[in-house]
PDB file of all heavy atoms in Angstrom:
ATOM      1  N   LEU A   1       3.405  14.770  21.722  1.00  0.00           N
ATOM      2  CA  LEU A   1       3.207  14.952  20.235  1.00  0.00           C
ATOM      3  C   LEU A   1       1.738  15.336  19.915  1.00  0.00           C
ATOM      4  O   LEU A   1       0.819  14.685  20.378  1.00  0.00           O
ATOM      5  CB  LEU A   1       3.458  13.692  19.479  1.00  0.00           C
ATOM      6  CG  LEU A   1       3.114  13.571  17.972  1.00  0.00           C
ATOM      7  CD1 LEU A   1       4.085  14.545  17.292  1.00  0.00           C
ATOM      8  CD2 LEU A   1       3.378  12.162  17.417  1.00  0.00           C
ATOM      9  N   THR A   2       1.524  16.487  19.315  1.00  0.00           N
ATOM     10  CA  THR A   2       0.199  16.997  19.191  1.00  0.00           C
ATOM     11  C   THR A   2       0.047  17.714  17.860  1.00  0.00           C
ATOM     12  O   THR A   2       0.950  17.794  17.011  1.00  0.00           O
ATOM     13  CB  THR A   2      -0.251  17.898  20.359  1.00  0.00           C
ATOM     14  OG1 THR A   2      -1.663  18.091  20.370  1.00  0.00           O
ATOM     15  CG2 THR A   2       0.449  19.361  20.277  1.00  0.00           C
ATOM     16  N   GLY A   3      -1.147  18.163  17.550  1.00  0.00           N
ATOM     17  CA  GLY A   3      -1.483  18.785  16.190  1.00  0.00           C
ATOM     18  C   GLY A   3      -2.899  18.750  16.035  1.00  0.00           C
ATOM     19  O   GLY A   3      -3.545  18.169  16.888  1.00  0.00           O
ATOM     20  N   SER A   4      -3.408  19.299  15.090  1.00  0.00           N
ATOM     21  CA  SER A   4      -4.833  19.264  14.711  1.00  0.00           C
ATOM     22  C   SER A   4      -5.283  18.087  13.731  1.00  0.00           C
ATOM     23  O   SER A   4      -4.236  17.511  13.110  1.00  0.00           O
ATOM     24  CB  SER A   4      -5.274  20.576  14.207  1.00  0.00           C
ATOM     25  OG  SER A   4      -5.091  21.598  15.060  1.00  0.00           O
ATOM     26  N   ILE A   5      -6.396  17.787  13.697  1.00  0.00           N
ATOM     27  CA  ILE A   5      -6.888  16.674  12.834  1.00  0.00           C
ATOM     28  C   ILE A   5      -6.314  16.755  11.450  1.00  0.00           C
ATOM     29  O   ILE A   5      -6.244  17.870  10.858  1.00  0.00           O
ATOM     30  CB  ILE A   5      -8.495  16.673  12.756  1.00  0.00           C
ATOM     31  CG1 ILE A   5      -9.042  15.565  12.079  1.00  0.00           C
ATOM     32  CG2 ILE A   5      -9.058  18.135  12.339  1.00  0.00           C
ATOM     33  CD1 ILE A   5     -10.425  15.311  12.197  1.00  0.00           C
ATOM     34  N   GLY A   6      -5.852  15.620  10.920  1.00  0.00           N
ATOM     35  CA  GLY A   6      -5.472  15.552   9.596  1.00  0.00           C
ATOM     36  C   GLY A   6      -4.114  16.201   9.228  1.00  0.00           C
ATOM     37  O   GLY A   6      -3.709  16.338   8.050  1.00  0.00           O
ATOM     38  N   MET A   7      -3.322  16.463  10.296  1.00  0.00           N
ATOM     39  CA  MET A   7      -2.035  17.053  10.116  1.00  0.00           C
ATOM     40  C   MET A   7      -0.809  16.151  10.065  1.00  0.00           C
ATOM     41  O   MET A   7       0.350  16.611   9.835  1.00  0.00           O
ATOM     42  CB  MET A   7      -1.756  18.312  11.143  1.00  0.00           C
ATOM     43  CG  MET A   7      -2.640  19.414  10.928  1.00  0.00           C
ATOM     44  SD  MET A   7      -2.041  20.988  11.599  1.00  0.00           S
ATOM     45  CE  MET A   7      -3.039  22.127  10.792  1.00  0.00           C
ATOM     46  N   GLY A   8      -1.088  14.886  10.227  1.00  0.00           N
ATOM     47  CA  GLY A   8      -0.157  13.888  10.076  1.00  0.00           C
ATOM     48  C   GLY A   8       0.526  13.442  11.397  1.00  0.00           C
ATOM     49  O   GLY A   8       1.694  12.994  11.407  1.00  0.00           O
ATOM     50  N   LYS A   9      -0.165  13.513  12.442  1.00  0.00           N
ATOM     51  CA  LYS A   9       0.326  13.174  13.700  1.00  0.00           C
ATOM     52  C   LYS A   9       0.606  11.657  13.857  1.00  0.00           C
ATOM     53  O   LYS A   9       1.701  11.254  14.279  1.00  0.00           O
ATOM     54  CB  LYS A   9      -0.736  13.511  14.881  1.00  0.00           C
ATOM     55  CG  LYS A   9      -0.135  13.751  16.204  1.00  0.00           C
ATOM     56  CD  LYS A   9      -1.201  14.505  17.021  1.00  0.00           C
ATOM     57  CE  LYS A   9      -2.501  14.160  16.826  1.00  0.00           C
ATOM     58  NZ  LYS A   9      -2.820  12.693  16.893  1.00  0.00           N
ATOM     59  N   SER A  10      -0.266  10.913  13.311  1.00  0.00           N
ATOM     60  CA  SER A  10      -0.089   9.329  13.434  1.00  0.00           C
ATOM     61  C   SER A  10       1.086   8.963  12.599  1.00  0.00           C
ATOM     62  O   SER A  10       1.932   8.022  13.100  1.00  0.00           O
ATOM     63  CB  SER A  10      -1.286   8.694  12.963  1.00  0.00           C
ATOM     64  OG  SER A  10      -2.464   8.942  13.674  1.00  0.00           O
ATOM     65  N   THR A  11       1.329   9.542  11.496  1.00  0.00           N
ATOM     66  CA  THR A  11       2.420   9.149  10.489  1.00  0.00           C
ATOM     67  C   THR A  11       3.699   9.665  11.319  1.00  0.00           C
ATOM     68  O   THR A  11       4.816   8.961  11.292  1.00  0.00           O
ATOM     69  CB  THR A  11       2.399   9.952   9.238  1.00  0.00           C
ATOM     70  OG1 THR A  11       1.137   9.568   8.636  1.00  0.00           O
ATOM     71  CG2 THR A  11       3.493   9.670   8.276  1.00  0.00           C
ATOM     72  N   THR A  12       3.717  10.809  11.893  1.00  0.00           N
ATOM     73  CA  THR A  12       4.916  11.375  12.595  1.00  0.00           C
ATOM     74  C   THR A  12       5.294  10.433  13.880  1.00  0.00           C
ATOM     75  O   THR A  12       6.482  10.215  14.113  1.00  0.00           O
ATOM     76  CB  THR A  12       4.638  12.831  13.148  1.00  0.00           C
ATOM     77  OG1 THR A  12       4.350  13.592  11.973  1.00  0.00           O
ATOM     78  CG2 THR A  12       5.885  13.347  13.793  1.00  0.00           C
ATOM     79  N   ALA A  13       4.095   9.890  14.568  1.00  0.00           N
ATOM     80  CA  ALA A  13       4.388   9.049  15.656  1.00  0.00           C
ATOM     81  C   ALA A  13       5.219   7.790  15.124  1.00  0.00           C
ATOM     82  O   ALA A  13       6.068   7.330  15.811  1.00  0.00           O
ATOM     83  CB  ALA A  13       2.975   8.718  16.306  1.00  0.00           C
ATOM     84  N   ARG A  14       4.672   7.253  13.957  1.00  0.00           N
ATOM     85  CA  ARG A  14       5.448   6.130  13.451  1.00  0.00           C
ATOM     86  C   ARG A  14       6.927   6.417  13.084  1.00  0.00           C
ATOM     87  O   ARG A  14       7.746   5.491  13.286  1.00  0.00           O
ATOM     88  CB  ARG A  14       4.733   5.538  12.098  1.00  0.00           C
ATOM     89  CG  ARG A  14       3.414   4.785  12.462  1.00  0.00           C
ATOM     90  CD  ARG A  14       2.935   4.105  11.210  1.00  0.00           C
ATOM     91  NE  ARG A  14       2.473   4.863  10.133  1.00  0.00           N
ATOM     92  CZ  ARG A  14       1.274   5.476   9.934  1.00  0.00           C
ATOM     93  NH1 ARG A  14       0.379   5.283  11.002  1.00  0.00           N
ATOM     94  NH2 ARG A  14       1.032   6.254   8.955  1.00  0.00           N
ATOM     95  N   LEU A  15       7.178   7.606  12.681  1.00  0.00           N
ATOM     96  CA  LEU A  15       8.636   7.976  12.366  1.00  0.00           C
ATOM     97  C   LEU A  15       9.404   7.948  13.627  1.00  0.00           C
ATOM     98  O   LEU A  15      10.527   7.526  13.679  1.00  0.00           O
ATOM     99  CB  LEU A  15       8.632   9.348  11.677  1.00  0.00           C
ATOM    100  CG  LEU A  15       7.997   9.381  10.359  1.00  0.00           C
ATOM    101  CD1 LEU A  15       8.101  10.885   9.819  1.00  0.00           C
ATOM    102  CD2 LEU A  15       8.748   8.601   9.273  1.00  0.00           C
ATOM    103  N   PHE A  16       8.782   8.450  14.788  1.00  0.00           N
ATOM    104  CA  PHE A  16       9.473   8.390  16.102  1.00  0.00           C
ATOM    105  C   PHE A  16       9.657   6.891  16.599  1.00  0.00           C
ATOM    106  O   PHE A  16      10.742   6.544  16.974  1.00  0.00           O
ATOM    107  CB  PHE A  16       8.735   9.084  17.150  1.00  0.00           C
ATOM    108  CG  PHE A  16       8.859  10.612  17.176  1.00  0.00           C
ATOM    109  CD1 PHE A  16       7.982  11.449  16.744  1.00  0.00           C
ATOM    110  CD2 PHE A  16      10.059  11.172  17.603  1.00  0.00           C
ATOM    111  CE1 PHE A  16       8.166  12.904  16.722  1.00  0.00           C
ATOM    112  CE2 PHE A  16      10.363  12.535  17.675  1.00  0.00           C
ATOM    113  CZ  PHE A  16       9.346  13.413  17.197  1.00  0.00           C
ATOM    114  N   ALA A  17       8.669   6.064  16.289  1.00  0.00           N
ATOM    115  CA  ALA A  17       8.843   4.671  16.634  1.00  0.00           C
ATOM    116  C   ALA A  17       9.866   4.001  15.807  1.00  0.00           C
ATOM    117  O   ALA A  17      10.804   3.153  16.223  1.00  0.00           O
ATOM    118  CB  ALA A  17       7.495   3.937  16.324  1.00  0.00           C
ATOM    119  N   ASP A  18       9.958   4.401  14.592  1.00  0.00           N
ATOM    120  CA  ASP A  18      11.117   3.911  13.641  1.00  0.00           C
ATOM    121  C   ASP A  18      12.504   4.220  14.212  1.00  0.00           C
ATOM    122  O   ASP A  18      13.474   3.542  13.838  1.00  0.00           O
ATOM    123  CB  ASP A  18      10.993   4.527  12.154  1.00  0.00           C
ATOM    124  CG  ASP A  18       9.706   3.932  11.514  1.00  0.00           C
ATOM    125  OD1 ASP A  18       9.193   2.930  11.982  1.00  0.00           O
ATOM    126  OD2 ASP A  18       9.415   4.470  10.516  1.00  0.00           O
ATOM    127  N   MET A  19      12.573   5.308  14.952  1.00  0.00           N
ATOM    128  CA  MET A  19      13.809   5.787  15.500  1.00  0.00           C
ATOM    129  C   MET A  19      14.159   5.185  16.940  1.00  0.00           C
ATOM    130  O   MET A  19      14.930   5.698  17.660  1.00  0.00           O
ATOM    131  CB  MET A  19      13.988   7.183  15.490  1.00  0.00           C
ATOM    132  CG  MET A  19      14.042   7.787  14.129  1.00  0.00           C
ATOM    133  SD  MET A  19      14.777   9.387  14.015  1.00  0.00           S
ATOM    134  CE  MET A  19      16.543   8.892  14.418  1.00  0.00           C
ATOM    135  N   GLY A  20      13.317   4.160  17.408  1.00  0.00           N
ATOM    136  CA  GLY A  20      13.515   3.484  18.567  1.00  0.00           C
ATOM    137  C   GLY A  20      12.783   4.130  19.759  1.00  0.00           C
ATOM    138  O   GLY A  20      13.104   3.750  20.947  1.00  0.00           O
ATOM    139  N   CYS A  21      11.952   5.093  19.509  1.00  0.00           N
ATOM    140  CA  CYS A  21      11.160   5.699  20.638  1.00  0.00           C
ATOM    141  C   CYS A  21       9.982   4.773  21.007  1.00  0.00           C
ATOM    142  O   CYS A  21       9.446   4.091  20.101  1.00  0.00           O
ATOM    143  CB  CYS A  21      10.669   7.028  20.227  1.00  0.00           C
ATOM    144  SG  CYS A  21      11.923   8.255  19.766  1.00  0.00           S
ATOM    145  N   ALA A  22       9.624   4.770  22.285  1.00  0.00           N
ATOM    146  CA  ALA A  22       8.366   4.107  22.648  1.00  0.00           C
ATOM    147  C   ALA A  22       7.196   5.011  22.361  1.00  0.00           C
ATOM    148  O   ALA A  22       7.301   6.254  22.551  1.00  0.00           O
ATOM    149  CB  ALA A  22       8.348   3.697  24.076  1.00  0.00           C
ATOM    150  N   VAL A  23       6.044   4.629  21.812  1.00  0.00           N
ATOM    151  CA  VAL A  23       5.011   5.501  21.383  1.00  0.00           C
ATOM    152  C   VAL A  23       3.655   5.058  22.136  1.00  0.00           C
ATOM    153  O   VAL A  23       3.328   3.897  21.955  1.00  0.00           O
ATOM    154  CB  VAL A  23       4.834   5.617  19.857  1.00  0.00           C
ATOM    155  CG1 VAL A  23       3.639   6.435  19.475  1.00  0.00           C
ATOM    156  CG2 VAL A  23       6.071   6.215  19.243  1.00  0.00           C
ATOM    157  N   TRP A  24       3.037   6.098  22.729  1.00  0.00           N
ATOM    158  CA  TRP A  24       1.731   5.797  23.288  1.00  0.00           C
ATOM    159  C   TRP A  24       0.685   6.691  22.608  1.00  0.00           C
ATOM    160  O   TRP A  24       0.904   7.875  22.343  1.00  0.00           O
ATOM    161  CB  TRP A  24       1.733   6.132  24.814  1.00  0.00           C
ATOM    162  CG  TRP A  24       0.376   6.048  25.530  1.00  0.00           C
ATOM    163  CD1 TRP A  24      -0.111   4.808  26.093  1.00  0.00           C
ATOM    164  CD2 TRP A  24      -0.605   6.878  25.748  1.00  0.00           C
ATOM    165  NE1 TRP A  24      -1.314   5.061  26.534  1.00  0.00           N
ATOM    166  CE2 TRP A  24      -1.639   6.290  26.372  1.00  0.00           C
ATOM    167  CE3 TRP A  24      -0.739   8.325  25.428  1.00  0.00           C
ATOM    168  CZ2 TRP A  24      -2.835   6.992  26.805  1.00  0.00           C
ATOM    169  CZ3 TRP A  24      -1.889   9.043  25.859  1.00  0.00           C
ATOM    170  CH2 TRP A  24      -2.917   8.408  26.560  1.00  0.00           C
ATOM    171  N   ASP A  25      -0.374   6.136  22.206  1.00  0.00           N
ATOM    172  CA  ASP A  25      -1.418   6.706  21.342  1.00  0.00           C
ATOM    173  C   ASP A  25      -2.716   6.937  22.186  1.00  0.00           C
ATOM    174  O   ASP A  25      -3.344   5.948  22.566  1.00  0.00           O
ATOM    175  CB  ASP A  25      -1.719   5.908  20.083  1.00  0.00           C
ATOM    176  CG  ASP A  25      -2.738   6.509  19.210  1.00  0.00           C
ATOM    177  OD1 ASP A  25      -3.614   7.214  19.604  1.00  0.00           O
ATOM    178  OD2 ASP A  25      -2.594   6.224  17.934  1.00  0.00           O
ATOM    179  N   ALA A  26      -3.100   8.135  22.498  1.00  0.00           N
ATOM    180  CA  ALA A  26      -4.299   8.483  23.224  1.00  0.00           C
ATOM    181  C   ALA A  26      -5.578   7.830  22.611  1.00  0.00           C
ATOM    182  O   ALA A  26      -6.455   7.279  23.274  1.00  0.00           O
ATOM    183  CB  ALA A  26      -4.488   9.888  23.432  1.00  0.00           C
ATOM    184  N   ASP A  27      -5.760   8.024  21.344  1.00  0.00           N
ATOM    185  CA  ASP A  27      -6.896   7.513  20.565  1.00  0.00           C
ATOM    186  C   ASP A  27      -6.956   5.942  20.688  1.00  0.00           C
ATOM    187  O   ASP A  27      -8.086   5.429  20.838  1.00  0.00           O
ATOM    188  CB  ASP A  27      -6.829   7.925  19.166  1.00  0.00           C
ATOM    189  CG  ASP A  27      -7.255   9.344  18.926  1.00  0.00           C
ATOM    190  OD1 ASP A  27      -7.743   9.935  19.878  1.00  0.00           O
ATOM    191  OD2 ASP A  27      -6.909   9.966  17.898  1.00  0.00           O
ATOM    192  N   ALA A  28      -5.829   5.272  20.623  1.00  0.00           N
ATOM    193  CA  ALA A  28      -5.740   3.966  20.530  1.00  0.00           C
ATOM    194  C   ALA A  28      -6.053   3.451  22.091  1.00  0.00           C
ATOM    195  O   ALA A  28      -6.792   2.408  22.230  1.00  0.00           O
ATOM    196  CB  ALA A  28      -4.326   3.368  20.242  1.00  0.00           C
ATOM    197  N   ALA A  29      -5.626   4.204  23.008  1.00  0.00           N
ATOM    198  CA  ALA A  29      -6.038   3.896  24.444  1.00  0.00           C
ATOM    199  C   ALA A  29      -7.592   3.989  24.585  1.00  0.00           C
ATOM    200  O   ALA A  29      -8.071   3.056  25.256  1.00  0.00           O
ATOM    201  CB  ALA A  29      -5.414   4.879  25.448  1.00  0.00           C
ATOM    202  N   VAL A  30      -8.251   5.010  24.092  1.00  0.00           N
ATOM    203  CA  VAL A  30      -9.650   5.117  24.171  1.00  0.00           C
ATOM    204  C   VAL A  30     -10.451   3.879  23.487  1.00  0.00           C
ATOM    205  O   VAL A  30     -11.311   3.352  24.063  1.00  0.00           O
ATOM    206  CB  VAL A  30     -10.117   6.371  23.623  1.00  0.00           C
ATOM    207  CG1 VAL A  30     -11.692   6.568  23.630  1.00  0.00           C
ATOM    208  CG2 VAL A  30      -9.609   7.623  24.516  1.00  0.00           C
ATOM    209  N   HIS A  31      -9.717   3.653  22.394  1.00  0.00           N
ATOM    210  CA  HIS A  31     -10.368   2.461  21.552  1.00  0.00           C
ATOM    211  C   HIS A  31     -10.295   1.152  22.356  1.00  0.00           C
ATOM    212  O   HIS A  31     -11.254   0.471  22.435  1.00  0.00           O
ATOM    213  CB  HIS A  31      -9.519   2.344  20.235  1.00  0.00           C
ATOM    214  CG  HIS A  31     -10.265   1.550  19.221  1.00  0.00           C
ATOM    215  ND1 HIS A  31     -11.261   2.003  18.459  1.00  0.00           N
ATOM    216  CD2 HIS A  31      -9.995   0.221  18.830  1.00  0.00           C
ATOM    217  CE1 HIS A  31     -11.628   0.971  17.641  1.00  0.00           C
ATOM    218  NE2 HIS A  31     -10.880  -0.082  17.834  1.00  0.00           N
ATOM    219  N   ARG A  32      -9.252   0.926  23.061  1.00  0.00           N
ATOM    220  CA  ARG A  32      -9.085  -0.258  23.899  1.00  0.00           C
ATOM    221  C   ARG A  32     -10.163  -0.232  25.053  1.00  0.00           C
ATOM    222  O   ARG A  32     -10.733  -1.207  25.320  1.00  0.00           O
ATOM    223  CB  ARG A  32      -7.709  -0.332  24.565  1.00  0.00           C
ATOM    224  CG  ARG A  32      -6.652  -0.789  23.674  1.00  0.00           C
ATOM    225  CD  ARG A  32      -5.335  -1.185  24.435  1.00  0.00           C
ATOM    226  NE  ARG A  32      -4.788  -0.146  25.283  1.00  0.00           N
ATOM    227  CZ  ARG A  32      -3.956   0.793  24.864  1.00  0.00           C
ATOM    228  NH1 ARG A  32      -3.672   0.891  23.683  1.00  0.00           N
ATOM    229  NH2 ARG A  32      -3.568   1.747  25.727  1.00  0.00           N
ATOM    230  N   MET A  33     -10.402   0.979  25.621  1.00  0.00           N
ATOM    231  CA  MET A  33     -11.324   1.112  26.728  1.00  0.00           C
ATOM    232  C   MET A  33     -12.736   0.919  26.279  1.00  0.00           C
ATOM    233  O   MET A  33     -13.631   0.445  27.012  1.00  0.00           O
ATOM    234  CB  MET A  33     -11.175   2.513  27.350  1.00  0.00           C
ATOM    235  CG  MET A  33      -9.861   2.571  28.234  1.00  0.00           C
ATOM    236  SD  MET A  33      -9.415   4.115  28.597  1.00  0.00           S
ATOM    237  CE  MET A  33      -7.617   3.994  28.965  1.00  0.00           C
ATOM    238  N   TYR A  34     -13.054   1.238  24.971  1.00  0.00           N
ATOM    239  CA  TYR A  34     -14.315   1.149  24.452  1.00  0.00           C
ATOM    240  C   TYR A  34     -14.597  -0.213  23.874  1.00  0.00           C
ATOM    241  O   TYR A  34     -15.729  -0.570  23.470  1.00  0.00           O
ATOM    242  CB  TYR A  34     -14.487   2.082  23.353  1.00  0.00           C
ATOM    243  CG  TYR A  34     -14.920   3.664  23.763  1.00  0.00           C
ATOM    244  CD1 TYR A  34     -14.860   3.834  25.148  1.00  0.00           C
ATOM    245  CD2 TYR A  34     -15.065   4.562  22.901  1.00  0.00           C
ATOM    246  CE1 TYR A  34     -15.064   5.175  25.499  1.00  0.00           C
ATOM    247  CE2 TYR A  34     -15.402   5.896  23.359  1.00  0.00           C
ATOM    248  CZ  TYR A  34     -15.357   6.157  24.664  1.00  0.00           C
ATOM    249  OH  TYR A  34     -15.617   7.489  24.998  1.00  0.00           O
TER     250      TYR A  34
END
């Protein structure tokens, strides 16, 4: 799942999660590492 800044990627990821998909977030992974 990709797109440019501000295009609604995080919201779209949540919609996939609502449909039972497992979701991994690259930004959240970096946040954990930092």
